[in-house]
Each structure stands twice: as C-alpha cells, then as structure tokens.
C-alpha cells in the first residue's frame, strides 16, 4: 500500500512543481474511476446500467480515498491526513466518471451495453 508509505526523503532534484501531490491524487483517482467503470461494464456485460455504475464507482472511489486518509492519520507515524487530498481524490473520481458518461453518451457510437 504505497498510499501509506512516506516519500519525504525522496530526492526530486531541482524540479519543483507546485501542488504536485494534489495533481497526483487527482490523476490516480481519475484513472481509478475510469478503470473501475470499465471493469464493471466488462464483468456485467453492460447489464448494470451506466448511471448506476457511475454512482457506485464514484461512491467507492470517494470512500476509498477517505479511508486511506484516515489510515494515514491513525496507522502511520510519518504521514498526515489532508482535506486537500480528499478533495483532489474526489474531484479526480468525479472527472473520471464524467468522462465515462460523456464517452458512452448518445452522441458517441460506443454503447454501454455489450
């Protein structure tokens, strides 16, 4: 579980990207939500409706992000929970499910049901 590992001693050289950790959180949860939706589509052969899948994956991603932040606060000595991380996680998940919704919209040729 790399989410609980501290990277504070990692030498990043002279590269300094503002809010790089929040960008990483956003990106990881965006990918998590997209892949989660695609997983559900494949496992159910599209039988679970798109809207239901989007809501479930959004809630799972947000709950998992909060769970990891709570674990960082309670189970590690060198990590701390941040509300900004929860916000970045949630926004990433929301954008991820929004992309899936757009991609399988009626205007696109790809259909949700297989």
N, C-alpha and C. Protein backbone atom coordinates (compact mmCIF):
# COMPACT_ATOMS: atom_id res chain seq x y z
N UNK A 1 0.84 -1.17 0.00
CA UNK A 1 0.00 0.00 0.00
C UNK A 1 0.88 1.24 0.00
N UNK A 2 1.20 1.71 -1.18
CA UNK A 2 2.06 2.88 -1.30
C UNK A 2 1.42 4.14 -0.74
N UNK A 3 0.11 4.14 -0.58
CA UNK A 3 -0.57 5.31 -0.03
C UNK A 3 -0.16 5.59 1.41
N UNK A 4 0.37 4.59 2.09
CA UNK A 4 0.77 4.76 3.48
C UNK A 4 2.28 4.91 3.64
N UNK A 5 3.01 4.87 2.53
CA UNK A 5 4.46 4.99 2.54
C UNK A 5 4.86 6.46 2.46
N UNK A 6 5.87 6.85 3.20
CA UNK A 6 6.33 8.24 3.19
C UNK A 6 7.42 8.42 2.14
N UNK A 7 7.24 9.42 1.30
CA UNK A 7 8.22 9.76 0.28
C UNK A 7 8.96 11.04 0.64
N UNK A 8 8.94 11.42 1.91
CA UNK A 8 9.52 12.70 2.32
C UNK A 8 11.02 12.76 2.09
N UNK A 9 11.72 11.64 2.15
CA UNK A 9 13.16 11.64 1.94
C UNK A 9 13.57 11.48 0.48
N UNK A 10 12.61 11.43 -0.42
CA UNK A 10 12.88 11.23 -1.83
C UNK A 10 13.50 12.47 -2.44
N UNK A 11 14.65 12.29 -3.10
CA UNK A 11 15.32 13.42 -3.74
C UNK A 11 14.71 13.66 -5.12
N UNK A 12 14.07 14.81 -5.29
CA UNK A 12 13.44 15.14 -6.57
C UNK A 12 14.31 16.08 -7.40
N UNK A 13 15.49 16.35 -6.93
CA UNK A 13 16.39 17.23 -7.68
C UNK A 13 15.91 18.66 -7.64
N UNK A 14 16.07 19.34 -8.76
CA UNK A 14 15.70 20.76 -8.82
C UNK A 14 14.29 20.97 -9.35
N UNK A 15 13.60 19.90 -9.67
CA UNK A 15 12.23 20.02 -10.18
C UNK A 15 11.30 20.35 -9.02
N UNK A 16 10.55 21.42 -9.19
CA UNK A 16 9.61 21.84 -8.16
C UNK A 16 8.29 22.20 -8.83
N UNK A 17 7.34 21.28 -8.77
CA UNK A 17 6.02 21.50 -9.35
C UNK A 17 5.06 21.83 -8.21
N UNK A 18 4.45 23.02 -8.25
CA UNK A 18 3.52 23.37 -7.18
C UNK A 18 2.32 22.42 -7.16
N UNK A 19 1.95 21.99 -5.98
CA UNK A 19 0.81 21.10 -5.77
C UNK A 19 0.94 19.78 -6.53
N UNK A 20 2.15 19.30 -6.71
CA UNK A 20 2.39 18.05 -7.44
C UNK A 20 1.66 16.89 -6.77
N UNK A 21 1.60 16.88 -5.44
CA UNK A 21 0.92 15.78 -4.76
C UNK A 21 -0.59 15.80 -5.03
N UNK A 22 -1.16 16.99 -5.11
CA UNK A 22 -2.60 17.09 -5.40
C UNK A 22 -2.89 16.69 -6.84
N UNK A 23 -2.00 17.03 -7.75
CA UNK A 23 -2.14 16.63 -9.15
C UNK A 23 -2.06 15.11 -9.25
N UNK A 24 -1.16 14.51 -8.49
CA UNK A 24 -1.04 13.05 -8.48
C UNK A 24 -2.30 12.40 -7.92
N UNK A 25 -2.82 12.93 -6.81
CA UNK A 25 -4.06 12.40 -6.23
C UNK A 25 -5.20 12.48 -7.24
N UNK A 26 -5.36 13.64 -7.85
CA UNK A 26 -6.41 13.84 -8.85
C UNK A 26 -6.27 12.83 -9.98
N UNK A 27 -5.06 12.68 -10.51
CA UNK A 27 -4.81 11.78 -11.65
C UNK A 27 -5.07 10.32 -11.28
N UNK A 28 -4.58 9.89 -10.14
CA UNK A 28 -4.77 8.50 -9.72
C UNK A 28 -6.25 8.16 -9.57
N UNK A 29 -7.02 9.05 -8.97
CA UNK A 29 -8.43 8.76 -8.74
C UNK A 29 -9.25 8.91 -10.02
N UNK A 30 -8.85 9.76 -10.93
CA UNK A 30 -9.48 9.82 -12.24
C UNK A 30 -9.32 8.47 -12.95
N UNK A 31 -8.10 7.96 -12.95
CA UNK A 31 -7.82 6.67 -13.59
C UNK A 31 -8.55 5.55 -12.85
N UNK A 32 -8.56 5.60 -11.52
CA UNK A 32 -9.25 4.60 -10.71
C UNK A 32 -10.74 4.54 -11.09
N UNK A 33 -11.38 5.70 -11.21
CA UNK A 33 -12.81 5.75 -11.54
C UNK A 33 -13.07 5.23 -12.96
N UNK A 34 -12.25 5.63 -13.91
CA UNK A 34 -12.42 5.18 -15.30
C UNK A 34 -12.24 3.66 -15.38
N UNK A 35 -11.16 3.15 -14.82
CA UNK A 35 -10.91 1.72 -14.88
C UNK A 35 -11.96 0.93 -14.11
N UNK A 36 -12.42 1.48 -13.00
CA UNK A 36 -13.47 0.82 -12.22
C UNK A 36 -14.77 0.70 -13.02
N UNK A 37 -15.15 1.77 -13.70
CA UNK A 37 -16.35 1.73 -14.53
C UNK A 37 -16.20 0.72 -15.67
N UNK A 38 -15.05 0.70 -16.30
CA UNK A 38 -14.82 -0.24 -17.39
C UNK A 38 -14.81 -1.69 -16.87
N UNK A 39 -14.28 -1.89 -15.68
CA UNK A 39 -14.29 -3.22 -15.06
C UNK A 39 -15.72 -3.69 -14.84
N UNK A 40 -16.56 -2.82 -14.27
CA UNK A 40 -17.95 -3.19 -14.02
C UNK A 40 -18.66 -3.47 -15.34
N UNK A 41 -18.40 -2.68 -16.35
CA UNK A 41 -19.01 -2.91 -17.67
C UNK A 41 -18.65 -4.29 -18.21
N UNK A 42 -17.38 -4.64 -18.12
CA UNK A 42 -16.93 -5.93 -18.63
C UNK A 42 -17.48 -7.09 -17.80
N UNK A 43 -17.46 -6.96 -16.48
CA UNK A 43 -17.92 -8.04 -15.61
C UNK A 43 -19.42 -8.29 -15.74
N UNK A 44 -20.19 -7.24 -15.96
CA UNK A 44 -21.64 -7.39 -16.05
C UNK A 44 -22.13 -7.42 -17.50
N UNK A 45 -21.19 -7.37 -18.44
CA UNK A 45 -21.54 -7.33 -19.87
C UNK A 45 -22.49 -6.18 -20.18
N UNK A 46 -22.35 -5.09 -19.43
CA UNK A 46 -23.17 -3.91 -19.65
C UNK A 46 -24.57 -4.01 -19.08
N UNK A 47 -24.87 -5.10 -18.36
CA UNK A 47 -26.21 -5.29 -17.79
C UNK A 47 -26.50 -4.30 -16.66
N UNK A 48 -25.46 -3.93 -15.89
CA UNK A 48 -25.67 -2.89 -14.88
C UNK A 48 -25.70 -1.57 -15.62
N UNK A 49 -26.70 -0.80 -15.40
CA UNK A 49 -26.88 0.44 -16.13
C UNK A 49 -25.72 1.41 -15.93
N UNK A 50 -25.55 2.27 -16.91
CA UNK A 50 -24.46 3.25 -16.87
C UNK A 50 -24.58 4.16 -15.66
N UNK A 51 -25.78 4.70 -15.43
CA UNK A 51 -25.96 5.63 -14.30
C UNK A 51 -25.67 4.97 -12.96
N UNK A 52 -26.14 3.75 -12.80
CA UNK A 52 -25.90 3.02 -11.55
C UNK A 52 -24.41 2.75 -11.36
N UNK A 53 -23.74 2.36 -12.44
CA UNK A 53 -22.31 2.10 -12.37
C UNK A 53 -21.54 3.37 -12.00
N UNK A 54 -21.91 4.49 -12.60
CA UNK A 54 -21.21 5.76 -12.33
C UNK A 54 -21.36 6.16 -10.86
N UNK A 55 -22.56 6.04 -10.36
CA UNK A 55 -22.80 6.41 -8.96
C UNK A 55 -22.03 5.50 -8.01
N UNK A 56 -22.09 4.19 -8.27
CA UNK A 56 -21.39 3.23 -7.41
C UNK A 56 -19.89 3.47 -7.43
N UNK A 57 -19.31 3.65 -8.62
CA UNK A 57 -17.86 3.86 -8.70
C UNK A 57 -17.45 5.18 -8.07
N UNK A 58 -18.27 6.21 -8.24
CA UNK A 58 -17.96 7.50 -7.61
C UNK A 58 -17.94 7.35 -6.09
N UNK A 59 -18.95 6.68 -5.55
CA UNK A 59 -19.01 6.49 -4.09
C UNK A 59 -17.87 5.61 -3.58
N UNK A 60 -17.54 4.55 -4.33
CA UNK A 60 -16.43 3.68 -3.92
C UNK A 60 -15.12 4.45 -3.93
N UNK A 61 -14.87 5.21 -4.98
CA UNK A 61 -13.61 5.96 -5.07
C UNK A 61 -13.50 6.99 -3.95
N UNK A 62 -14.57 7.71 -3.68
CA UNK A 62 -14.55 8.73 -2.62
C UNK A 62 -14.36 8.06 -1.26
N UNK A 63 -15.10 6.98 -1.01
CA UNK A 63 -14.98 6.27 0.27
C UNK A 63 -13.57 5.71 0.45
N UNK A 64 -13.00 5.15 -0.61
CA UNK A 64 -11.65 4.61 -0.52
C UNK A 64 -10.64 5.73 -0.23
N UNK A 65 -10.80 6.86 -0.89
CA UNK A 65 -9.90 7.99 -0.64
C UNK A 65 -9.97 8.47 0.80
N UNK A 66 -11.16 8.55 1.34
CA UNK A 66 -11.32 8.96 2.74
C UNK A 66 -10.72 7.90 3.67
N UNK A 67 -10.97 6.62 3.36
CA UNK A 67 -10.43 5.52 4.16
C UNK A 67 -8.90 5.59 4.22
N UNK A 68 -8.26 5.81 3.09
CA UNK A 68 -6.79 5.89 3.04
C UNK A 68 -6.30 7.09 3.85
N UNK A 69 -6.97 8.21 3.76
CA UNK A 69 -6.57 9.38 4.55
C UNK A 69 -6.71 9.11 6.04
N UNK A 70 -7.77 8.43 6.44
CA UNK A 70 -7.95 8.08 7.86
C UNK A 70 -6.83 7.13 8.30
N UNK A 71 -6.49 6.15 7.45
CA UNK A 71 -5.39 5.25 7.78
C UNK A 71 -4.07 6.01 7.90
N UNK A 72 -3.84 6.96 7.03
CA UNK A 72 -2.61 7.75 7.13
C UNK A 72 -2.54 8.49 8.46
N UNK A 73 -3.67 8.95 8.93
CA UNK A 73 -3.71 9.68 10.20
C UNK A 73 -3.54 8.76 11.40
N UNK A 74 -4.17 7.57 11.32
CA UNK A 74 -4.20 6.70 12.51
C UNK A 74 -3.12 5.63 12.52
N UNK A 75 -2.69 5.15 11.36
CA UNK A 75 -1.82 3.97 11.33
C UNK A 75 -0.36 4.27 10.99
N UNK A 76 -0.04 5.51 10.71
CA UNK A 76 1.35 5.83 10.39
C UNK A 76 1.84 6.95 11.29
N UNK A 77 3.14 6.93 11.52
CA UNK A 77 3.73 7.97 12.37
C UNK A 77 4.27 9.13 11.54
N UNK A 78 4.58 8.88 10.27
CA UNK A 78 5.23 9.92 9.47
C UNK A 78 4.36 10.43 8.32
N UNK A 79 3.07 10.11 8.32
CA UNK A 79 2.15 10.61 7.30
C UNK A 79 1.04 11.35 8.01
N UNK A 80 0.43 12.30 7.31
CA UNK A 80 -0.69 13.01 7.89
C UNK A 80 -1.82 13.11 6.88
N UNK A 81 -3.03 13.09 7.37
CA UNK A 81 -4.21 13.21 6.52
C UNK A 81 -4.41 14.67 6.15
N UNK A 82 -4.87 14.90 4.94
CA UNK A 82 -5.14 16.27 4.49
C UNK A 82 -6.49 16.33 3.80
N UNK A 83 -7.26 17.36 4.13
CA UNK A 83 -8.53 17.56 3.46
C UNK A 83 -8.32 17.85 1.97
N UNK A 84 -7.21 18.48 1.64
CA UNK A 84 -6.89 18.77 0.24
C UNK A 84 -6.73 17.50 -0.57
N UNK A 85 -6.18 16.46 0.04
CA UNK A 85 -6.04 15.17 -0.65
C UNK A 85 -7.41 14.55 -0.91
N UNK A 86 -8.29 14.61 0.08
CA UNK A 86 -9.64 14.08 -0.09
C UNK A 86 -10.36 14.84 -1.20
N UNK A 87 -10.19 16.15 -1.24
CA UNK A 87 -10.81 16.96 -2.28
C UNK A 87 -10.25 16.61 -3.66
N UNK A 88 -8.94 16.47 -3.76
CA UNK A 88 -8.31 16.11 -5.04
C UNK A 88 -8.76 14.72 -5.48
N UNK A 89 -8.82 13.78 -4.54
CA UNK A 89 -9.29 12.43 -4.84
C UNK A 89 -10.73 12.47 -5.37
N UNK A 90 -11.58 13.19 -4.67
CA UNK A 90 -13.00 13.26 -5.03
C UNK A 90 -13.19 13.94 -6.39
N UNK A 91 -12.46 15.02 -6.62
CA UNK A 91 -12.57 15.69 -7.92
C UNK A 91 -12.07 14.80 -9.05
N UNK A 92 -10.99 14.08 -8.82
CA UNK A 92 -10.47 13.16 -9.83
C UNK A 92 -11.49 12.08 -10.16
N UNK A 93 -12.12 11.51 -9.12
CA UNK A 93 -13.13 10.48 -9.33
C UNK A 93 -14.33 11.05 -10.08
N UNK A 94 -14.73 12.26 -9.73
CA UNK A 94 -15.87 12.89 -10.40
C UNK A 94 -15.57 13.13 -11.88
N UNK A 95 -14.39 13.62 -12.17
CA UNK A 95 -14.00 13.85 -13.56
C UNK A 95 -13.92 12.50 -14.31
N UNK A 96 -13.42 11.48 -13.64
CA UNK A 96 -13.33 10.16 -14.26
C UNK A 96 -14.69 9.61 -14.66
N UNK A 97 -15.66 9.65 -13.75
CA UNK A 97 -17.00 9.14 -14.09
C UNK A 97 -17.68 10.05 -15.11
N UNK A 98 -17.36 11.34 -15.07
CA UNK A 98 -17.92 12.26 -16.07
C UNK A 98 -17.38 11.93 -17.46
N UNK A 99 -16.11 11.59 -17.54
CA UNK A 99 -15.54 11.20 -18.83
C UNK A 99 -16.20 9.92 -19.36
N UNK A 100 -16.44 8.97 -18.48
CA UNK A 100 -17.13 7.74 -18.90
C UNK A 100 -18.54 8.07 -19.37
N UNK A 101 -19.23 8.92 -18.63
CA UNK A 101 -20.59 9.30 -19.03
C UNK A 101 -20.57 9.97 -20.41
N UNK A 102 -19.63 10.86 -20.63
CA UNK A 102 -19.52 11.53 -21.93
C UNK A 102 -19.17 10.53 -23.02
N UNK A 103 -18.24 9.63 -22.72
CA UNK A 103 -17.77 8.70 -23.73
C UNK A 103 -18.86 7.74 -24.19
N UNK A 104 -19.75 7.36 -23.29
CA UNK A 104 -20.83 6.45 -23.63
C UNK A 104 -22.16 7.19 -23.83
N UNK A 105 -22.09 8.50 -24.09
CA UNK A 105 -23.31 9.27 -24.31
C UNK A 105 -23.94 8.89 -25.65
N UNK A 106 -25.14 9.35 -25.86
CA UNK A 106 -25.88 9.01 -27.06
C UNK A 106 -25.23 9.55 -28.33
N UNK A 107 -24.43 10.58 -28.21
CA UNK A 107 -23.78 11.15 -29.38
C UNK A 107 -22.60 10.31 -29.86
N UNK A 108 -22.10 9.45 -29.00
CA UNK A 108 -20.94 8.62 -29.33
C UNK A 108 -21.40 7.28 -29.89
N UNK A 109 -20.65 6.71 -30.80
CA UNK A 109 -21.04 5.42 -31.38
C UNK A 109 -20.87 4.23 -30.43
N UNK A 110 -20.04 4.36 -29.40
CA UNK A 110 -19.79 3.25 -28.49
C UNK A 110 -20.94 3.15 -27.49
N UNK A 111 -21.48 1.98 -27.36
CA UNK A 111 -22.63 1.77 -26.45
C UNK A 111 -22.15 1.10 -25.17
N UNK A 112 -22.86 1.40 -24.08
CA UNK A 112 -22.50 0.84 -22.79
C UNK A 112 -22.78 -0.66 -22.75
N UNK A 113 -23.95 -1.06 -23.21
CA UNK A 113 -24.33 -2.47 -23.16
C UNK A 113 -23.60 -3.24 -24.26
N UNK A 114 -22.98 -4.35 -23.86
CA UNK A 114 -22.20 -5.15 -24.81
C UNK A 114 -23.10 -6.11 -25.55
